[in-house]
Amino acid sequence: MAVCEICFRHCRINEGETGFCGARTCRDGRVVSAGYGRITALALDPIEKKPLRRFCPGSMILSVGSYGCNLRCPFCQNHEITWSENAHRLSDRAEYLAPETLAEMAEQCRGRGNIGLAFTYNEPLIGYEYVRDTAKLVHEQGMKNVLVTNGTASLPVLEELVPYIDAMNIDLKGFSDRYYKEVLRGDRQMVMDFITEAVRHCHVELTTLIVPGENDTLEEMRELVSWIASLDANGKKGTEIPLHISRFFPRFHMTDREATNVSLVYHLADIARERLAYVYTGNC
């Protein structure tokens, strides 16, 4: 048995079994990535789809995903590869791509406007070793790396990755401990600590999905943007950190409510603009 140090859960994993995320296992008394190089999704996407609006706008990026996640968002749009029953069967079915192979694929897509690799779709931090190894090769080719993450990881994990990551979109899913703990089964403070450190090292944009009845009050938005504005963003003011405010649609295990009212999304965006310079709305 060994203890995983990726996130706040500190899963105690028996030999040959996996932790909560479904993608880390104990092998020879050590916790390792069970999904190293196991790819479930690969697509050439516009950079704006990550979403990143103020990093290489108009470019394309080769986007790659594996399987597993250390949160349990009931509205997950990628549940087939994150934490559904299907996701738990992907370890044997997902195609293996060596870091060298994936880096070469990114290089081959340059002619189609590709600027590098985006690690996305599932939660990439639970397989940070593959991200690190591949991103290093991508940098050696003079290309860029993007990380799309829920930010639920320890600072030593971030420390290993930041030399090779050029931009991140990090979910700040709400601003209450209740929402993070009871709905997402996560830890808000760990995400806040991760964001605080990440903005000191690379370009970071944040995303908040507005879920009716959960994180949709004006007061919570004011608290959230006030905290963002207080950050030190690599010598810039926190007010310059872009925030994406997105509309919720019922899906997966959360179909008990309607989609977020569009007017509310726009109103919350206006509130955010009182403190932040760059606020974007999504899914409207």
Protein backbone atom coordinates (compact mmCIF):
# COMPACT_ATOMS: atom_id res chain seq x y z
CA MET A 1 0.00 0.00 0.00
CA ALA A 2 1.10 3.60 -0.69
CA VAL A 3 -0.34 7.10 -0.22
CA CYS A 4 -1.04 9.29 -3.24
CA GLU A 5 0.07 12.90 -2.85
CA ILE A 6 -1.61 14.40 -5.93
CA CYS A 7 -4.55 16.04 -4.17
CA PHE A 8 -6.23 16.61 -0.81
CA ARG A 9 -7.68 13.08 -0.70
CA HIS A 10 -4.32 11.40 0.01
CA CYS A 11 -5.75 8.09 -1.14
CA ARG A 12 -4.24 5.02 0.52
CA ILE A 13 -3.97 2.63 -2.42
CA ASN A 14 -3.39 -1.09 -2.10
CA GLU A 15 -1.10 -2.89 -4.52
CA GLY A 16 -2.76 -3.19 -7.93
CA GLU A 17 -5.78 -1.09 -7.01
CA THR A 18 -6.65 2.48 -8.02
CA GLY A 19 -7.46 5.61 -6.07
CA PHE A 20 -10.56 7.79 -6.12
CA CYS A 21 -9.64 9.33 -9.49
CA GLY A 22 -9.50 5.93 -11.18
CA ALA A 23 -6.21 6.76 -12.86
CA ARG A 24 -3.50 6.25 -10.23
CA THR A 25 -2.44 2.88 -8.91
CA CYS A 26 0.01 1.28 -6.51
CA ARG A 27 2.77 -0.65 -8.25
CA ASP A 28 5.68 -2.21 -6.34
CA GLY A 29 4.79 -0.11 -3.32
CA ARG A 30 4.74 3.21 -5.22
CA VAL A 31 1.86 5.31 -6.52
CA VAL A 32 2.17 5.76 -10.29
CA SER A 33 -0.06 6.88 -13.15
CA ALA A 34 -2.18 3.97 -14.35
CA GLY A 35 -3.19 6.00 -17.39
CA TYR A 36 0.26 7.12 -18.54
CA GLY A 37 0.00 7.70 -22.28
CA ARG A 38 -3.50 6.19 -22.51
CA ILE A 39 -5.36 8.52 -24.85
CA THR A 40 -9.15 8.69 -25.13
CA ALA A 41 -9.60 11.91 -27.10
CA LEU A 42 -7.55 13.81 -29.68
CA ALA A 43 -8.66 16.79 -31.76
CA LEU A 44 -7.33 19.95 -33.35
CA ASP A 45 -9.34 22.73 -31.69
CA PRO A 46 -9.46 26.52 -31.83
CA ILE A 47 -7.60 27.92 -28.83
CA GLU A 48 -10.77 29.80 -27.87
CA LYS A 49 -12.49 26.46 -27.19
CA LYS A 50 -10.25 25.72 -24.17
CA PRO A 51 -11.40 28.49 -23.41
CA LEU A 52 -8.51 30.92 -23.80
CA ARG A 53 -9.29 34.34 -25.22
CA ARG A 54 -6.11 36.28 -24.51
CA PHE A 55 -3.48 33.69 -25.41
CA CYS A 56 -2.54 33.28 -29.10
CA PRO A 57 -6.03 34.24 -30.34
CA GLY A 58 -7.05 32.80 -33.69
CA SER A 59 -4.69 29.83 -33.45
CA MET A 60 -5.38 26.10 -33.33
CA ILE A 61 -4.07 23.65 -30.74
CA LEU A 62 -3.89 19.85 -30.74
CA SER A 63 -5.97 18.80 -27.74
CA VAL A 64 -5.51 15.50 -25.93
CA GLY A 65 -7.26 13.70 -23.08
CA SER A 66 -6.85 10.52 -21.05
CA TYR A 67 -9.31 9.18 -18.45
CA GLY A 68 -10.24 9.72 -14.81
CA CYS A 69 -10.91 12.71 -12.56
CA ASN A 70 -10.52 13.60 -8.89
CA LEU A 71 -13.80 15.55 -8.71
CA ARG A 72 -17.38 14.33 -9.13
CA CYS A 73 -19.16 17.20 -10.86
CA PRO A 74 -22.67 15.83 -11.48
CA PHE A 75 -22.98 17.92 -14.66
CA CYS A 76 -19.71 16.76 -16.27
CA GLN A 77 -19.82 17.11 -20.06
CA ASN A 78 -17.00 14.60 -20.50
CA HIS A 79 -18.35 11.98 -18.08
CA GLU A 80 -17.66 9.16 -20.56
CA ILE A 81 -13.93 9.53 -19.87
CA THR A 82 -13.91 11.05 -16.39
CA TRP A 83 -15.97 9.27 -13.74
CA SER A 84 -18.82 7.32 -15.32
CA GLU A 85 -18.93 3.52 -15.36
CA ASN A 86 -17.53 3.67 -18.87
CA ALA A 87 -14.55 5.74 -17.71
CA HIS A 88 -13.51 3.04 -15.25
CA ARG A 89 -13.15 0.56 -18.12
CA LEU A 90 -10.87 2.72 -20.26
CA SER A 91 -7.53 1.68 -18.78
CA ASP A 92 -7.36 -1.34 -21.08
CA ARG A 93 -9.18 0.13 -24.08
CA ALA A 94 -7.48 3.52 -24.46
CA GLU A 95 -4.79 3.79 -27.11
CA TYR A 96 -1.22 4.26 -25.91
CA LEU A 97 0.77 7.14 -27.39
CA ALA A 98 4.35 7.65 -26.23
CA PRO A 99 5.31 11.25 -25.41
CA GLU A 100 7.59 11.27 -28.45
CA THR A 101 4.73 10.18 -30.71
CA LEU A 102 2.32 12.81 -29.42
CA ALA A 103 4.93 15.57 -29.67
CA GLU A 104 5.61 14.54 -33.27
CA MET A 105 1.88 14.65 -34.04
CA ALA A 106 1.79 18.21 -32.73
CA GLU A 107 4.71 19.10 -35.00
CA GLN A 108 2.98 17.54 -38.01
CA CYS A 109 -0.07 19.76 -37.43
CA ARG A 110 1.90 23.03 -37.62
CA GLY A 111 0.79 23.50 -41.20
CA ARG A 112 -2.84 23.54 -40.05
CA GLY A 113 -2.18 26.41 -37.65
CA ASN A 114 -1.28 24.30 -34.62
CA ILE A 115 0.77 26.03 -31.93
CA GLY A 116 1.31 23.03 -29.65
CA LEU A 117 -0.56 20.75 -27.25
CA ALA A 118 -3.47 21.25 -24.86
CA PHE A 119 -3.94 18.69 -22.09
CA THR A 120 -7.69 18.67 -21.52
CA TYR A 121 -11.02 16.76 -21.68
CA ASN A 122 -10.42 14.71 -18.50
CA GLU A 123 -8.38 15.99 -15.52
CA PRO A 124 -4.74 16.09 -16.73
CA LEU A 125 -3.16 16.69 -13.31
CA ILE A 126 -3.93 13.16 -12.13
CA GLY A 127 -1.56 12.01 -14.87
CA TYR A 128 0.90 14.88 -14.53
CA GLU A 129 3.92 12.69 -15.33
CA TYR A 130 2.75 12.22 -18.91
CA VAL A 131 1.96 15.93 -19.20
CA ARG A 132 5.45 16.79 -17.95
CA ASP A 133 7.28 14.35 -20.21
CA THR A 134 5.33 15.29 -23.34
CA ALA A 135 5.25 19.04 -22.70
CA LYS A 136 9.04 19.08 -22.34
CA LEU A 137 9.40 17.59 -25.83
CA VAL A 138 6.87 20.05 -27.25
CA HIS A 139 8.89 22.95 -25.84
CA GLU A 140 12.04 21.55 -27.41
CA GLN A 141 10.23 21.79 -30.75
CA GLY A 142 9.54 25.47 -30.12
CA MET A 143 5.82 24.94 -29.58
CA LYS A 144 3.50 25.81 -26.71
CA ASN A 145 1.69 23.82 -24.00
CA VAL A 146 -1.72 24.52 -22.49
CA LEU A 147 -3.27 22.92 -19.41
CA VAL A 148 -7.05 22.84 -18.86
CA THR A 149 -7.63 21.76 -15.28
CA ASN A 150 -9.84 21.84 -12.20
CA GLY A 151 -6.82 22.94 -10.16
CA THR A 152 -7.29 20.22 -7.56
CA ALA A 153 -3.65 19.31 -7.07
CA SER A 154 -0.82 19.92 -4.64
CA LEU A 155 1.76 22.63 -5.23
CA PRO A 156 4.62 20.12 -5.78
CA VAL A 157 2.68 18.82 -8.81
CA LEU A 158 2.37 22.36 -10.14
CA GLU A 159 6.07 22.95 -9.49
CA GLU A 160 7.00 20.03 -11.73
CA LEU A 161 4.83 21.29 -14.57
CA VAL A 162 5.25 25.08 -14.67
CA PRO A 163 8.61 25.05 -16.51
CA TYR A 164 6.80 23.53 -19.51
CA ILE A 165 3.33 25.14 -19.41
CA ASP A 166 2.66 28.39 -21.26
CA ALA A 167 -1.01 28.90 -20.41
CA MET A 168 -3.75 27.40 -18.26
CA ASN A 169 -7.49 27.59 -18.01
CA ILE A 170 -8.41 26.69 -14.44
CA ASP A 171 -11.93 26.06 -13.20
CA LEU A 172 -12.89 28.15 -10.20
CA LYS A 173 -16.22 26.39 -9.97
CA GLY A 174 -17.70 28.52 -7.25
CA PHE A 175 -16.76 30.38 -4.11
CA SER A 176 -18.30 28.43 -1.25
CA ASP A 177 -16.90 25.47 0.64
CA ARG A 178 -20.36 23.93 0.73
CA TYR A 179 -20.60 23.78 -3.07
CA TYR A 180 -17.12 22.37 -3.47
CA LYS A 181 -17.54 19.76 -0.74
CA GLU A 182 -21.16 18.65 -1.10
CA VAL A 183 -21.74 18.96 -4.86
CA LEU A 184 -18.30 18.58 -6.45
CA ARG A 185 -16.68 16.48 -3.70
CA GLY A 186 -13.66 18.74 -3.90
CA ASP A 187 -11.67 21.23 -1.84
CA ARG A 188 -11.97 24.95 -2.59
CA GLN A 189 -8.86 25.96 -0.66
CA MET A 190 -6.66 23.59 -2.66
CA VAL A 191 -7.94 25.14 -5.89
CA MET A 192 -7.40 28.66 -4.58
CA ASP A 193 -3.84 27.80 -3.53
CA PHE A 194 -3.17 26.27 -6.94
CA ILE A 195 -4.49 29.35 -8.76
CA THR A 196 -2.56 31.72 -6.50
CA GLU A 197 0.70 30.02 -7.42
CA ALA A 198 -0.12 29.33 -11.09
CA VAL A 199 -0.78 32.98 -11.94
CA ARG A 200 2.76 33.78 -10.84
CA HIS A 201 4.28 31.59 -13.52
CA CYS A 202 2.22 31.61 -16.73
CA HIS A 203 -0.80 33.03 -18.48
CA VAL A 204 -3.94 31.93 -16.59
CA GLU A 205 -7.61 32.33 -17.43
CA LEU A 206 -10.37 31.17 -15.08
CA THR A 207 -13.78 29.64 -15.77
CA THR A 208 -16.89 29.57 -13.58
CA LEU A 209 -19.95 27.58 -14.67
CA ILE A 210 -23.08 29.15 -13.20
CA VAL A 211 -25.35 26.38 -11.88
CA PRO A 212 -28.87 27.46 -10.84
CA GLY A 213 -29.41 27.17 -7.10
CA GLU A 214 -25.75 26.40 -6.39
CA ASN A 215 -23.36 29.25 -7.18
CA ASP A 216 -25.56 31.80 -8.92
CA THR A 217 -25.99 34.60 -6.39
CA LEU A 218 -24.74 38.14 -6.93
CA GLU A 219 -23.03 38.05 -3.53
CA GLU A 220 -20.98 34.98 -4.39
CA MET A 221 -19.88 36.47 -7.71
CA ARG A 222 -18.75 39.63 -5.94
CA GLU A 223 -16.72 37.58 -3.46
CA LEU A 224 -15.21 35.49 -6.24
CA VAL A 225 -14.09 38.42 -8.38
CA SER A 226 -12.83 40.33 -5.35
CA TRP A 227 -10.52 37.42 -4.57
CA ILE A 228 -9.33 37.18 -8.19
CA ALA A 229 -8.62 40.92 -8.24
CA SER A 230 -6.44 40.56 -5.13
CA LEU A 231 -4.03 38.09 -6.77
CA ASP A 232 -0.47 38.88 -7.91
CA ALA A 233 -0.44 37.71 -11.53
CA ASN A 234 3.25 37.50 -12.40
CA GLY A 235 3.83 41.18 -11.79
CA LYS A 236 0.43 42.18 -13.15
CA LYS A 237 -2.66 43.02 -11.17
CA GLY A 238 -5.21 40.30 -10.52
CA THR A 239 -7.76 42.54 -12.21
CA GLU A 240 -6.13 41.55 -15.52
CA ILE A 241 -6.83 37.81 -15.09
CA PRO A 242 -9.53 36.84 -17.63
CA LEU A 243 -12.70 35.24 -16.26
CA HIS A 244 -15.09 33.13 -18.34
CA ILE A 245 -18.63 32.96 -16.94
CA SER A 246 -20.48 30.05 -18.54
CA ARG A 247 -24.09 28.97 -18.77
CA PHE A 248 -25.09 25.60 -17.31
CA PHE A 249 -27.16 23.06 -19.26
CA PRO A 250 -28.73 20.02 -17.56
CA ARG A 251 -26.75 16.85 -18.26
CA PHE A 252 -25.37 13.61 -16.81
CA HIS A 253 -26.55 13.35 -13.16
CA MET A 254 -27.86 16.91 -12.89
CA THR A 255 -31.07 17.11 -14.90
CA ASP A 256 -33.25 18.35 -12.07
CA ARG A 257 -33.07 22.02 -13.08
CA GLU A 258 -33.30 24.23 -16.15
CA ALA A 259 -30.41 25.81 -17.99
CA THR A 260 -29.10 29.01 -16.44
CA ASN A 261 -31.09 32.05 -17.43
CA VAL A 262 -29.10 33.95 -20.07
CA SER A 263 -29.93 37.31 -18.53
CA LEU A 264 -28.47 36.14 -15.21
CA VAL A 265 -25.21 35.12 -16.88
CA TYR A 266 -24.95 38.56 -18.47
CA HIS A 267 -25.79 40.27 -15.17
CA LEU A 268 -23.13 38.29 -13.31
CA ALA A 269 -20.65 39.19 -16.05
CA ASP A 270 -21.46 42.87 -15.56
CA ILE A 271 -20.81 42.49 -11.84
CA ALA A 272 -17.49 40.81 -12.58
CA ARG A 273 -16.52 43.68 -14.88
CA GLU A 274 -16.73 46.05 -11.93
CA ARG A 275 -13.43 44.54 -10.74
CA LEU A 276 -11.96 42.62 -13.69
CA ALA A 277 -10.77 43.95 -17.05
CA TYR A 278 -11.51 40.84 -19.13
CA VAL A 279 -14.80 39.00 -18.60
CA TYR A 280 -16.33 36.69 -21.19
CA THR A 281 -19.63 34.83 -21.31
CA GLY A 282 -19.97 31.29 -22.66
CA ASN A 283 -22.72 28.91 -23.82
CA CYS A 284 -25.16 31.81 -24.23
